[in-house]
Amino acid sequence: MIIQDEEQLTAAAVLAETERAGDPRVKEIVQALVRHLHDFAREVRLTEKEFDTSINIVTRLGQLTTPSHNEVRLMAGSLGLSTLVALMNNGSEDKPTSANLLGPFWRQGSLAMNNGESIVRSPTEGPPLFCTGRIVDTDGTPVAGAEVDVWHASPAGLYENQDPEQAEWNLRGKFFSDEEGVLAFRSIKPSGYPIPIDGPVGELLTARERHPFRLAHLHALIHKPGYKTIASQLYSHDDPILETDAQFGVVQSLVGTYVRHKNEPAPGPDVTEPWYSLEFTFVVEPGEAWLPTPPVSGKRGTTPDDV
């Protein structure tokens, strides 16, 4: 078609061409994408210079995504899109689940461990933390045999794949719920950290005059056939930026209480200093079990594309 004007371009040319799509869902998504993109450009009267800048931002998102860093997923979180998709697709108002952000640092392949074991694999400073989790369905029935992948950043604010000083798979592990739906592991208390700001995500935060910090949190990815796989994050109740998370991830049901113990014996006999405990019940719902694409796959500096 020879294009006459901007209105004809959208309706008679681009949208008309998408009618060729054989998959109804593909057609629905692509047509909605085209309509919203074109309407966005018209609403802000996007200039050619601004369009050029936008293309460069999208290009840099891809260029900065490496085996140990995912700038694209980081941007999705910074725009609130990741949380929106999680809220739309999990549970209901009367039967919510514990679904939340996957985040940009999950690595597939964590070692399977026995309940109660420690995920600290190299010397890592920080107060000891003893976690007990329970997996139940939306009716409160325990879910046995659920695979629970857990991970978190070190007190230095780095995940092990970002930090050559940490051992491979440090502060990562995979556990399985028992007949009562319970799992347990030992670690150190997570700390908050700034997200990487040397790319488009950092520029966007600066332009919006927002800080780049994530509050302290612990990740869990829960997977079992017959139940919808969920990613979850447990946030620290006492974190000073509980209400201003850079990734818009904090929902009330996932704020956990880290209890400090000073004069009580710890579950680990080697612990002589103050320690923390965390207990939390994760809620899952029946549905499709599938694993997401890992946002990262390796450790920084270990591949030619990630130095």
C-alpha atoms as a PDB file:
ATOM      1  CA  MET A   1       0.000   0.000   0.000  1.00  0.00           C
ATOM      2  CA  ILE A   2       1.130   3.520  -0.808  1.00  0.00           C
ATOM      3  CA  ILE A   3       0.809   5.508   2.415  1.00  0.00           C
ATOM      4  CA  GLN A   4      -1.238   8.706   2.339  1.00  0.00           C
ATOM      5  CA  ASP A   5      -1.076   9.958   5.966  1.00  0.00           C
ATOM      6  CA  GLU A   6      -0.359   8.897   9.569  1.00  0.00           C
ATOM      7  CA  GLU A   7      -3.885   7.654  10.314  1.00  0.00           C
ATOM      8  CA  GLN A   8      -3.986   5.463   7.219  1.00  0.00           C
ATOM      9  CA  LEU A   9      -0.547   4.072   8.087  1.00  0.00           C
ATOM     10  CA  THR A  10      -1.798   2.588  11.367  1.00  0.00           C
ATOM     11  CA  ALA A  11      -5.227   1.257  10.394  1.00  0.00           C
ATOM     12  CA  ALA A  12      -5.112   0.450   6.710  1.00  0.00           C
ATOM     13  CA  ALA A  13      -1.470  -0.613   6.440  1.00  0.00           C
ATOM     14  CA  VAL A  14       0.162  -1.974   9.600  1.00  0.00           C
ATOM     15  CA  LEU A  15      -2.918  -3.292  11.428  1.00  0.00           C
ATOM     16  CA  ALA A  16      -4.360  -4.703   8.217  1.00  0.00           C
ATOM     17  CA  GLU A  17      -1.158  -6.671   7.598  1.00  0.00           C
ATOM     18  CA  THR A  18      -1.362  -8.307  11.039  1.00  0.00           C
ATOM     19  CA  GLU A  19      -4.602  -9.987   9.956  1.00  0.00           C
ATOM     20  CA  ARG A  20      -2.367 -12.538   8.225  1.00  0.00           C
ATOM     21  CA  ALA A  21      -1.301 -14.011  11.578  1.00  0.00           C
ATOM     22  CA  GLY A  22      -2.704 -17.527  11.936  1.00  0.00           C
ATOM     23  CA  ASP A  23      -2.450 -17.655  15.734  1.00  0.00           C
ATOM     24  CA  PRO A  24      -5.309 -15.589  17.243  1.00  0.00           C
ATOM     25  CA  ARG A  25      -3.301 -14.722  20.348  1.00  0.00           C
ATOM     26  CA  VAL A  26      -0.310 -13.565  18.291  1.00  0.00           C
ATOM     27  CA  LYS A  27      -2.634 -11.358  16.243  1.00  0.00           C
ATOM     28  CA  GLU A  28      -4.262  -9.918  19.356  1.00  0.00           C
ATOM     29  CA  ILE A  29      -0.924  -9.061  20.985  1.00  0.00           C
ATOM     30  CA  VAL A  30       0.715  -7.601  17.873  1.00  0.00           C
ATOM     31  CA  GLN A  31      -2.308  -5.484  16.981  1.00  0.00           C
ATOM     32  CA  ALA A  32      -2.537  -4.102  20.516  1.00  0.00           C
ATOM     33  CA  LEU A  33       1.191  -3.384  20.482  1.00  0.00           C
ATOM     34  CA  VAL A  34       0.948  -1.487  17.191  1.00  0.00           C
ATOM     35  CA  ARG A  35      -2.068   0.538  18.334  1.00  0.00           C
ATOM     36  CA  HIS A  36      -0.482   1.534  21.628  1.00  0.00           C
ATOM     37  CA  LEU A  37       2.914   2.321  20.100  1.00  0.00           C
ATOM     38  CA  HIS A  38       1.410   4.483  17.397  1.00  0.00           C
ATOM     39  CA  ASP A  39      -0.953   6.193  19.848  1.00  0.00           C
ATOM     40  CA  PHE A  40       1.949   6.860  22.212  1.00  0.00           C
ATOM     41  CA  ALA A  41       3.969   8.502  19.442  1.00  0.00           C
ATOM     42  CA  ARG A  42       0.980  10.640  18.481  1.00  0.00           C
ATOM     43  CA  GLU A  43       0.164  11.606  22.082  1.00  0.00           C
ATOM     44  CA  VAL A  44       3.652  12.947  22.819  1.00  0.00           C
ATOM     45  CA  ARG A  45       4.248  14.034  19.190  1.00  0.00           C
ATOM     46  CA  LEU A  46       7.535  12.146  19.208  1.00  0.00           C
ATOM     47  CA  THR A  47      10.227  14.029  17.291  1.00  0.00           C
ATOM     48  CA  GLU A  48      12.726  12.378  14.971  1.00  0.00           C
ATOM     49  CA  LYS A  49      15.556  13.221  17.358  1.00  0.00           C
ATOM     50  CA  GLU A  50      13.647  11.700  20.290  1.00  0.00           C
ATOM     51  CA  PHE A  51      12.876   8.633  18.200  1.00  0.00           C
ATOM     52  CA  ASP A  52      16.594   8.263  17.446  1.00  0.00           C
ATOM     53  CA  THR A  53      17.387   8.516  21.160  1.00  0.00           C
ATOM     54  CA  SER A  54      14.723   5.903  21.948  1.00  0.00           C
ATOM     55  CA  ILE A  55      16.151   3.460  19.413  1.00  0.00           C
ATOM     56  CA  ASN A  56      19.587   3.915  20.946  1.00  0.00           C
ATOM     57  CA  ILE A  57      18.196   3.171  24.421  1.00  0.00           C
ATOM     58  CA  VAL A  58      16.609  -0.075  23.242  1.00  0.00           C
ATOM     59  CA  THR A  59      19.860  -1.003  21.470  1.00  0.00           C
ATOM     60  CA  ARG A  60      21.887  -0.406  24.635  1.00  0.00           C
ATOM     61  CA  LEU A  61      19.502  -2.560  26.676  1.00  0.00           C
ATOM     62  CA  GLY A  62      20.495  -5.475  24.469  1.00  0.00           C
ATOM     63  CA  GLN A  63      24.170  -4.586  24.299  1.00  0.00           C
ATOM     64  CA  LEU A  64      24.464  -4.409  28.105  1.00  0.00           C
ATOM     65  CA  THR A  65      22.717  -7.743  28.665  1.00  0.00           C
ATOM     66  CA  THR A  66      25.403 -10.369  29.218  1.00  0.00           C
ATOM     67  CA  PRO A  67      25.642 -13.817  30.866  1.00  0.00           C
ATOM     68  CA  SER A  68      25.964 -12.128  34.287  1.00  0.00           C
ATOM     69  CA  HIS A  69      23.749  -9.048  33.853  1.00  0.00           C
ATOM     70  CA  ASN A  70      20.275  -8.524  32.369  1.00  0.00           C
ATOM     71  CA  GLU A  71      19.608  -4.847  31.649  1.00  0.00           C
ATOM     72  CA  VAL A  72      16.328  -5.616  29.865  1.00  0.00           C
ATOM     73  CA  ARG A  73      14.727  -7.307  32.888  1.00  0.00           C
ATOM     74  CA  LEU A  74      16.136  -4.570  35.115  1.00  0.00           C
ATOM     75  CA  MET A  75      14.367  -1.968  32.964  1.00  0.00           C
ATOM     76  CA  ALA A  76      11.081  -3.899  33.112  1.00  0.00           C
ATOM     77  CA  GLY A  77      11.270  -3.776  36.882  1.00  0.00           C
ATOM     78  CA  SER A  78      12.174  -0.083  36.963  1.00  0.00           C
ATOM     79  CA  LEU A  79       9.035   0.706  34.948  1.00  0.00           C
ATOM     80  CA  GLY A  80       6.823  -1.376  37.243  1.00  0.00           C
ATOM     81  CA  LEU A  81       5.979  -3.747  34.388  1.00  0.00           C
ATOM     82  CA  SER A  82       7.349  -6.870  36.094  1.00  0.00           C
ATOM     83  CA  THR A  83       5.205  -6.349  39.194  1.00  0.00           C
ATOM     84  CA  LEU A  84       2.135  -5.540  37.083  1.00  0.00           C
ATOM     85  CA  VAL A  85       2.441  -8.807  35.132  1.00  0.00           C
ATOM     86  CA  ALA A  86       2.888 -10.772  38.384  1.00  0.00           C
ATOM     87  CA  LEU A  87      -0.177  -9.150  39.977  1.00  0.00           C
ATOM     88  CA  MET A  88      -2.344  -9.715  36.870  1.00  0.00           C
ATOM     89  CA  ASN A  89      -1.470 -13.380  36.475  1.00  0.00           C
ATOM     90  CA  ASN A  90      -1.455 -14.838  39.970  1.00  0.00           C
ATOM     91  CA  GLY A  91      -4.185 -15.576  42.474  1.00  0.00           C
ATOM     92  CA  SER A  92      -7.319 -13.541  43.031  1.00  0.00           C
ATOM     93  CA  GLU A  93      -8.453 -10.835  45.398  1.00  0.00           C
ATOM     94  CA  ASP A  94      -9.856 -13.397  47.875  1.00  0.00           C
ATOM     95  CA  LYS A  95      -7.164 -16.026  47.255  1.00  0.00           C
ATOM     96  CA  PRO A  96      -3.861 -14.245  46.648  1.00  0.00           C
ATOM     97  CA  THR A  97      -0.606 -16.140  46.130  1.00  0.00           C
ATOM     98  CA  SER A  98       2.981 -15.203  46.997  1.00  0.00           C
ATOM     99  CA  ALA A  99       3.990 -14.434  43.411  1.00  0.00           C
ATOM    100  CA  ASN A 100       6.357 -11.492  42.916  1.00  0.00           C
ATOM    101  CA  LEU A 101       9.400 -10.492  40.874  1.00  0.00           C
ATOM    102  CA  LEU A 102      11.841 -13.046  39.485  1.00  0.00           C
ATOM    103  CA  GLY A 103      14.506 -10.349  39.384  1.00  0.00           C
ATOM    104  CA  PRO A 104      17.523 -10.190  37.075  1.00  0.00           C
ATOM    105  CA  PHE A 105      19.861 -12.537  38.987  1.00  0.00           C
ATOM    106  CA  TRP A 106      18.308 -16.017  39.059  1.00  0.00           C
ATOM    107  CA  ARG A 107      20.682 -18.720  37.762  1.00  0.00           C
ATOM    108  CA  GLN A 108      19.333 -22.126  36.830  1.00  0.00           C
ATOM    109  CA  GLY A 109      21.201 -25.126  38.205  1.00  0.00           C
ATOM    110  CA  SER A 110      21.541 -24.505  41.949  1.00  0.00           C
ATOM    111  CA  LEU A 111      22.694 -27.547  43.884  1.00  0.00           C
ATOM    112  CA  ALA A 112      20.010 -29.638  45.574  1.00  0.00           C
ATOM    113  CA  MET A 113      20.492 -29.520  49.338  1.00  0.00           C
ATOM    114  CA  ASN A 114      19.080 -31.136  52.472  1.00  0.00           C
ATOM    115  CA  ASN A 115      16.755 -29.168  54.700  1.00  0.00           C
ATOM    116  CA  GLY A 116      18.696 -27.230  57.320  1.00  0.00           C
ATOM    117  CA  GLU A 117      21.927 -26.979  55.326  1.00  0.00           C
ATOM    118  CA  SER A 118      23.753 -23.693  54.774  1.00  0.00           C
ATOM    119  CA  ILE A 119      23.892 -21.908  51.412  1.00  0.00           C
ATOM    120  CA  VAL A 120      27.001 -19.969  52.507  1.00  0.00           C
ATOM    121  CA  ARG A 121      29.751 -21.490  50.342  1.00  0.00           C
ATOM    122  CA  SER A 122      32.605 -19.032  50.921  1.00  0.00           C
ATOM    123  CA  PRO A 123      33.566 -16.686  53.781  1.00  0.00           C
ATOM    124  CA  THR A 124      30.786 -14.075  53.813  1.00  0.00           C
ATOM    125  CA  GLU A 125      30.447 -11.527  56.597  1.00  0.00           C
ATOM    126  CA  GLY A 126      27.012 -10.994  58.111  1.00  0.00           C
ATOM    127  CA  PRO A 127      24.786 -12.105  60.989  1.00  0.00           C
ATOM    128  CA  PRO A 128      23.634 -15.745  60.748  1.00  0.00           C
ATOM    129  CA  LEU A 129      20.094 -16.258  59.463  1.00  0.00           C
ATOM    130  CA  PHE A 130      17.991 -19.385  59.957  1.00  0.00           C
ATOM    131  CA  CYS A 131      15.014 -19.558  57.566  1.00  0.00           C
ATOM    132  CA  THR A 132      11.964 -21.784  57.771  1.00  0.00           C
ATOM    133  CA  GLY A 133       9.512 -21.725  54.887  1.00  0.00           C
ATOM    134  CA  ARG A 134       6.196 -23.457  54.415  1.00  0.00           C
ATOM    135  CA  ILE A 135       4.475 -24.069  51.075  1.00  0.00           C
ATOM    136  CA  VAL A 136       0.664 -24.234  51.047  1.00  0.00           C
ATOM    137  CA  ASP A 137      -2.059 -23.935  48.415  1.00  0.00           C
ATOM    138  CA  THR A 138      -4.759 -21.262  48.424  1.00  0.00           C
ATOM    139  CA  ASP A 139      -6.862 -23.397  50.786  1.00  0.00           C
ATOM    140  CA  GLY A 140      -4.004 -23.677  53.279  1.00  0.00           C
ATOM    141  CA  THR A 141      -3.188 -27.309  52.493  1.00  0.00           C
ATOM    142  CA  PRO A 142       0.551 -28.150  52.735  1.00  0.00           C
ATOM    143  CA  VAL A 143       2.291 -28.809  49.425  1.00  0.00           C
ATOM    144  CA  ALA A 144       4.917 -31.545  49.720  1.00  0.00           C
ATOM    145  CA  GLY A 145       7.772 -32.099  47.277  1.00  0.00           C
ATOM    146  CA  ALA A 146       7.896 -28.533  45.976  1.00  0.00           C
ATOM    147  CA  GLU A 147      11.282 -27.529  44.552  1.00  0.00           C
ATOM    148  CA  VAL A 148      12.313 -24.213  46.096  1.00  0.00           C
ATOM    149  CA  ASP A 149      15.279 -22.354  44.618  1.00  0.00           C
ATOM    150  CA  VAL A 150      16.563 -19.648  46.998  1.00  0.00           C
ATOM    151  CA  TRP A 151      19.153 -16.931  46.480  1.00  0.00           C
ATOM    152  CA  HIS A 152      20.107 -13.470  47.713  1.00  0.00           C
ATOM    153  CA  ALA A 153      22.834 -10.829  47.592  1.00  0.00           C
ATOM    154  CA  SER A 154      25.740 -10.668  49.990  1.00  0.00           C
ATOM    155  CA  PRO A 155      26.074  -7.871  52.575  1.00  0.00           C
ATOM    156  CA  ALA A 156      28.399  -6.222  50.051  1.00  0.00           C
ATOM    157  CA  GLY A 157      25.322  -5.789  47.831  1.00  0.00           C
ATOM    158  CA  LEU A 158      26.438  -8.247  45.148  1.00  0.00           C
ATOM    159  CA  TYR A 159      25.084 -11.581  43.960  1.00  0.00           C
ATOM    160  CA  GLU A 160      27.741 -14.251  43.513  1.00  0.00           C
ATOM    161  CA  ASN A 161      27.593 -14.058  39.722  1.00  0.00           C
ATOM    162  CA  GLN A 162      28.525 -10.343  39.980  1.00  0.00           C
ATOM    163  CA  ASP A 163      31.390 -10.871  42.404  1.00  0.00           C
ATOM    164  CA  PRO A 164      34.603 -12.786  41.567  1.00  0.00           C
ATOM    165  CA  GLU A 165      35.426 -12.853  45.298  1.00  0.00           C
ATOM    166  CA  GLN A 166      32.465 -15.096  46.098  1.00  0.00           C
ATOM    167  CA  ALA A 167      32.519 -18.835  45.490  1.00  0.00           C
ATOM    168  CA  GLU A 168      30.443 -20.269  42.655  1.00  0.00           C
ATOM    169  CA  TRP A 169      26.795 -20.584  43.786  1.00  0.00           C
ATOM    170  CA  ASN A 170      27.427 -18.758  47.068  1.00  0.00           C
ATOM    171  CA  LEU A 171      24.155 -17.793  48.779  1.00  0.00           C
ATOM    172  CA  ARG A 172      22.180 -20.002  46.385  1.00  0.00           C
ATOM    173  CA  GLY A 173      20.579 -23.383  46.973  1.00  0.00           C
ATOM    174  CA  LYS A 174      17.665 -25.664  46.112  1.00  0.00           C
ATOM    175  CA  PHE A 175      15.467 -27.274  48.755  1.00  0.00           C
ATOM    176  CA  PHE A 176      12.367 -29.483  48.764  1.00  0.00           C
ATOM    177  CA  SER A 177       9.327 -29.144  51.014  1.00  0.00           C
ATOM    178  CA  ASP A 178       8.595 -32.131  53.272  1.00  0.00           C
ATOM    179  CA  GLU A 179       5.229 -33.808  53.922  1.00  0.00           C
ATOM    180  CA  GLU A 180       4.148 -30.791  55.986  1.00  0.00           C
ATOM    181  CA  GLY A 181       5.200 -28.403  53.215  1.00  0.00           C
ATOM    182  CA  VAL A 182       8.192 -27.232  55.270  1.00  0.00           C
ATOM    183  CA  LEU A 183      11.737 -26.447  54.191  1.00  0.00           C
ATOM    184  CA  ALA A 184      14.606 -24.861  56.110  1.00  0.00           C
ATOM    185  CA  PHE A 185      18.066 -23.491  55.407  1.00  0.00           C
ATOM    186  CA  ARG A 186      20.805 -21.380  56.913  1.00  0.00           C
ATOM    187  CA  SER A 187      22.364 -18.258  55.420  1.00  0.00           C
ATOM    188  CA  ILE A 188      23.275 -14.722  56.485  1.00  0.00           C
ATOM    189  CA  LYS A 189      20.875 -11.783  56.765  1.00  0.00           C
ATOM    190  CA  PRO A 190      20.443 -10.135  53.317  1.00  0.00           C
ATOM    191  CA  SER A 191      21.264  -6.482  52.801  1.00  0.00           C
ATOM    192  CA  GLY A 192      19.897  -3.883  50.436  1.00  0.00           C
ATOM    193  CA  TYR A 193      21.944  -2.718  47.480  1.00  0.00           C
ATOM    194  CA  PRO A 194      21.963  -0.279  44.551  1.00  0.00           C
ATOM    195  CA  ILE A 195      20.983  -1.725  41.178  1.00  0.00           C
ATOM    196  CA  PRO A 196      23.504  -1.166  38.347  1.00  0.00           C
ATOM    197  CA  ILE A 197      23.180   2.426  37.090  1.00  0.00           C
ATOM    198  CA  ASP A 198      25.776   2.523  34.290  1.00  0.00           C
ATOM    199  CA  GLY A 199      23.164   1.970  31.565  1.00  0.00           C
ATOM    200  CA  PRO A 200      19.711   3.112  30.413  1.00  0.00           C
ATOM    201  CA  VAL A 201      18.080   2.016  33.693  1.00  0.00           C
ATOM    202  CA  GLY A 202      20.351   4.322  35.669  1.00  0.00           C
ATOM    203  CA  GLU A 203      19.698   7.175  33.271  1.00  0.00           C
ATOM    204  CA  LEU A 204      15.947   6.665  33.613  1.00  0.00           C
ATOM    205  CA  LEU A 205      16.185   6.712  37.419  1.00  0.00           C
ATOM    206  CA  THR A 206      18.219   9.919  37.303  1.00  0.00           C
ATOM    207  CA  ALA A 207      15.749  11.557  34.923  1.00  0.00           C
ATOM    208  CA  ARG A 208      12.890  10.686  37.286  1.00  0.00           C
ATOM    209  CA  GLU A 209      14.920  11.780  40.341  1.00  0.00           C
ATOM    210  CA  ARG A 210      14.603   8.367  41.985  1.00  0.00           C
ATOM    211  CA  HIS A 211      17.193   6.523  44.067  1.00  0.00           C
ATOM    212  CA  PRO A 212      18.649   3.261  42.683  1.00  0.00           C
ATOM    213  CA  PHE A 213      18.328   1.130  45.829  1.00  0.00           C
ATOM    214  CA  ARG A 214      16.577  -2.159  46.427  1.00  0.00           C
ATOM    215  CA  LEU A 215      15.741  -2.982  50.009  1.00  0.00           C
ATOM    216  CA  ALA A 216      16.965  -6.174  51.656  1.00  0.00           C
ATOM    217  CA  HIS A 217      15.203  -9.237  50.279  1.00  0.00           C
ATOM    218  CA  LEU A 218      15.462 -12.991  49.815  1.00  0.00           C
ATOM    219  CA  HIS A 219      14.378 -14.715  46.577  1.00  0.00           C
ATOM    220  CA  ALA A 220      12.494 -17.981  46.148  1.00  0.00           C
ATOM    221  CA  LEU A 221      11.384 -19.749  42.968  1.00  0.00           C
ATOM    222  CA  ILE A 222       8.805 -22.451  43.742  1.00  0.00           C
ATOM    223  CA  HIS A 223       8.151 -25.208  41.219  1.00  0.00           C
ATOM    224  CA  LYS A 224       6.075 -28.391  41.358  1.00  0.00           C
ATOM    225  CA  PRO A 225       4.046 -30.170  38.644  1.00  0.00           C
ATOM    226  CA  GLY A 226       0.357 -29.388  39.074  1.00  0.00           C
ATOM    227  CA  TYR A 227       1.009 -25.952  40.558  1.00  0.00           C
ATOM    228  CA  LYS A 228       1.758 -22.638  38.893  1.00  0.00           C
ATOM    229  CA  THR A 229       5.440 -21.845  39.213  1.00  0.00           C
ATOM    230  CA  ILE A 230       5.955 -18.627  41.146  1.00  0.00           C
ATOM    231  CA  ALA A 231       8.904 -16.378  41.844  1.00  0.00           C
ATOM    232  CA  SER A 232       8.744 -14.588  45.164  1.00  0.00           C
ATOM    233  CA  GLN A 233      10.755 -12.135  47.230  1.00  0.00           C
ATOM    234  CA  LEU A 234      10.674 -11.680  51.008  1.00  0.00           C
ATOM    235  CA  TYR A 235      11.323  -8.099  52.044  1.00  0.00           C
ATOM    236  CA  SER A 236      12.730  -6.971  55.369  1.00  0.00           C
ATOM    237  CA  HIS A 237      10.164  -5.306  57.628  1.00  0.00           C
ATOM    238  CA  ASP A 238      12.699  -2.894  59.104  1.00  0.00           C
ATOM    239  CA  ASP A 239      14.293  -1.629  55.892  1.00  0.00           C
ATOM    240  CA  PRO A 240      14.270   2.196  55.661  1.00  0.00           C
ATOM    241  CA  ILE A 241      13.309   2.177  51.967  1.00  0.00           C
ATOM    242  CA  LEU A 242      10.421  -0.265  52.315  1.00  0.00           C
ATOM    243  CA  GLU A 243       8.100   2.145  50.469  1.00  0.00           C
ATOM    244  CA  THR A 244      10.487   3.436  47.794  1.00  0.00           C
ATOM    245  CA  ASP A 245      11.939   0.282  46.210  1.00  0.00           C
ATOM    246  CA  ALA A 246      13.626   1.091  42.882  1.00  0.00           C
ATOM    247  CA  GLN A 247      11.926  -1.918  41.251  1.00  0.00           C
ATOM    248  CA  PHE A 248       8.394  -1.362  42.642  1.00  0.00           C
ATOM    249  CA  GLY A 249       8.416  -4.905  44.035  1.00  0.00           C
ATOM    250  CA  VAL A 250       7.150  -4.580  47.596  1.00  0.00           C
ATOM    251  CA  VAL A 251       3.657  -5.898  48.254  1.00  0.00           C
ATOM    252  CA  GLN A 252       2.284  -6.064  51.792  1.00  0.00           C
ATOM    253  CA  SER A 253       1.899  -9.841  51.889  1.00  0.00           C
ATOM    254  CA  LEU A 254       5.624 -10.373  51.232  1.00  0.00           C
ATOM    255  CA  VAL A 255       7.022  -8.209  54.026  1.00  0.00           C
ATOM    256  CA  GLY A 256       8.740 -10.646  56.381  1.00  0.00           C
ATOM    257  CA  THR A 257       9.858 -10.182  59.982  1.00  0.00           C
ATOM    258  CA  TYR A 258      13.516 -10.879  60.620  1.00  0.00           C
ATOM    259  CA  VAL A 259      13.659 -11.619  64.365  1.00  0.00           C
ATOM    260  CA  ARG A 260      16.935 -10.801  66.123  1.00  0.00           C
ATOM    261  CA  HIS A 261      18.068 -13.198  68.856  1.00  0.00           C
ATOM    262  CA  LYS A 262      20.745 -12.010  71.262  1.00  0.00           C
ATOM    263  CA  ASN A 263      20.815 -14.292  74.289  1.00  0.00           C
ATOM    264  CA  GLU A 264      19.146 -17.410  72.890  1.00  0.00           C
ATOM    265  CA  PRO A 265      20.972 -20.504  71.620  1.00  0.00           C
ATOM    266  CA  ALA A 266      20.980 -20.678  67.822  1.00  0.00           C
ATOM    267  CA  PRO A 267      19.962 -23.750  65.788  1.00  0.00           C
ATOM    268  CA  GLY A 268      23.618 -23.918  64.740  1.00  0.00           C
ATOM    269  CA  PRO A 269      25.904 -24.821  67.669  1.00  0.00           C
ATOM    270  CA  ASP A 270      28.807 -22.839  66.148  1.00  0.00           C
ATOM    271  CA  VAL A 271      26.909 -19.535  66.399  1.00  0.00           C
ATOM    272  CA  THR A 272      28.032 -17.388  69.335  1.00  0.00           C
ATOM    273  CA  GLU A 273      26.992 -13.936  68.107  1.00  0.00           C
ATOM    274  CA  PRO A 274      23.448 -12.495  67.738  1.00  0.00           C
ATOM    275  CA  TRP A 275      21.492 -14.226  64.979  1.00  0.00           C
ATOM    276  CA  TYR A 276      18.245 -13.860  63.049  1.00  0.00           C
ATOM    277  CA  SER A 277      15.336 -16.126  62.260  1.00  0.00           C
ATOM    278  CA  LEU A 278      12.761 -15.787  59.504  1.00  0.00           C
ATOM    279  CA  GLU A 279       9.577 -17.807  59.134  1.00  0.00           C
ATOM    280  CA  PHE A 280       7.265 -17.403  56.167  1.00  0.00           C
ATOM    281  CA  THR A 281       4.398 -19.224  54.464  1.00  0.00           C
ATOM    282  CA  PHE A 282       4.385 -19.172  50.658  1.00  0.00           C
ATOM    283  CA  VAL A 283       1.048 -19.617  48.897  1.00  0.00           C
ATOM    284  CA  VAL A 284       0.833 -21.308  45.481  1.00  0.00           C
ATOM    285  CA  GLU A 285      -2.150 -22.187  43.290  1.00  0.00           C
ATOM    286  CA  PRO A 286      -2.992 -25.015  40.885  1.00  0.00           C
ATOM    287  CA  GLY A 287      -1.778 -24.339  37.369  1.00  0.00           C
ATOM    288  CA  GLU A 288       1.004 -24.862  34.865  1.00  0.00           C
ATOM    289  CA  ALA A 289       4.479 -25.665  36.148  1.00  0.00           C
ATOM    290  CA  TRP A 290       7.145 -24.081  33.966  1.00  0.00           C
ATOM    291  CA  LEU A 291      10.549 -22.553  34.545  1.00  0.00           C
ATOM    292  CA  PRO A 292      11.315 -19.027  33.290  1.00  0.00           C
ATOM    293  CA  THR A 293      14.276 -18.238  31.082  1.00  0.00           C
ATOM    294  CA  PRO A 294      17.215 -17.588  33.446  1.00  0.00           C
ATOM    295  CA  PRO A 295      18.028 -13.839  33.351  1.00  0.00           C
ATOM    296  CA  VAL A 296      21.703 -14.702  33.930  1.00  0.00           C
ATOM    297  CA  SER A 297      23.635 -17.859  33.175  1.00  0.00           C
ATOM    298  CA  GLY A 298      27.183 -17.322  34.402  1.00  0.00           C
ATOM    299  CA  LYS A 299      29.650 -15.487  36.579  1.00  0.00           C
ATOM    300  CA  ARG A 300      31.098 -12.093  35.648  1.00  0.00           C
ATOM    301  CA  GLY A 301      34.405 -12.351  33.853  1.00  0.00           C
ATOM    302  CA  THR A 302      34.129 -16.042  32.970  1.00  0.00           C
ATOM    303  CA  THR A 303      33.105 -15.665  29.305  1.00  0.00           C
ATOM    304  CA  PRO A 304      34.471 -13.471  26.461  1.00  0.00           C
ATOM    305  CA  ASP A 305      31.169 -11.562  26.302  1.00  0.00           C
ATOM    306  CA  ASP A 306      31.060 -10.851  30.026  1.00  0.00           C
ATOM    307  CA  VAL A 307      34.244  -9.303  31.332  1.00  0.00           C
END
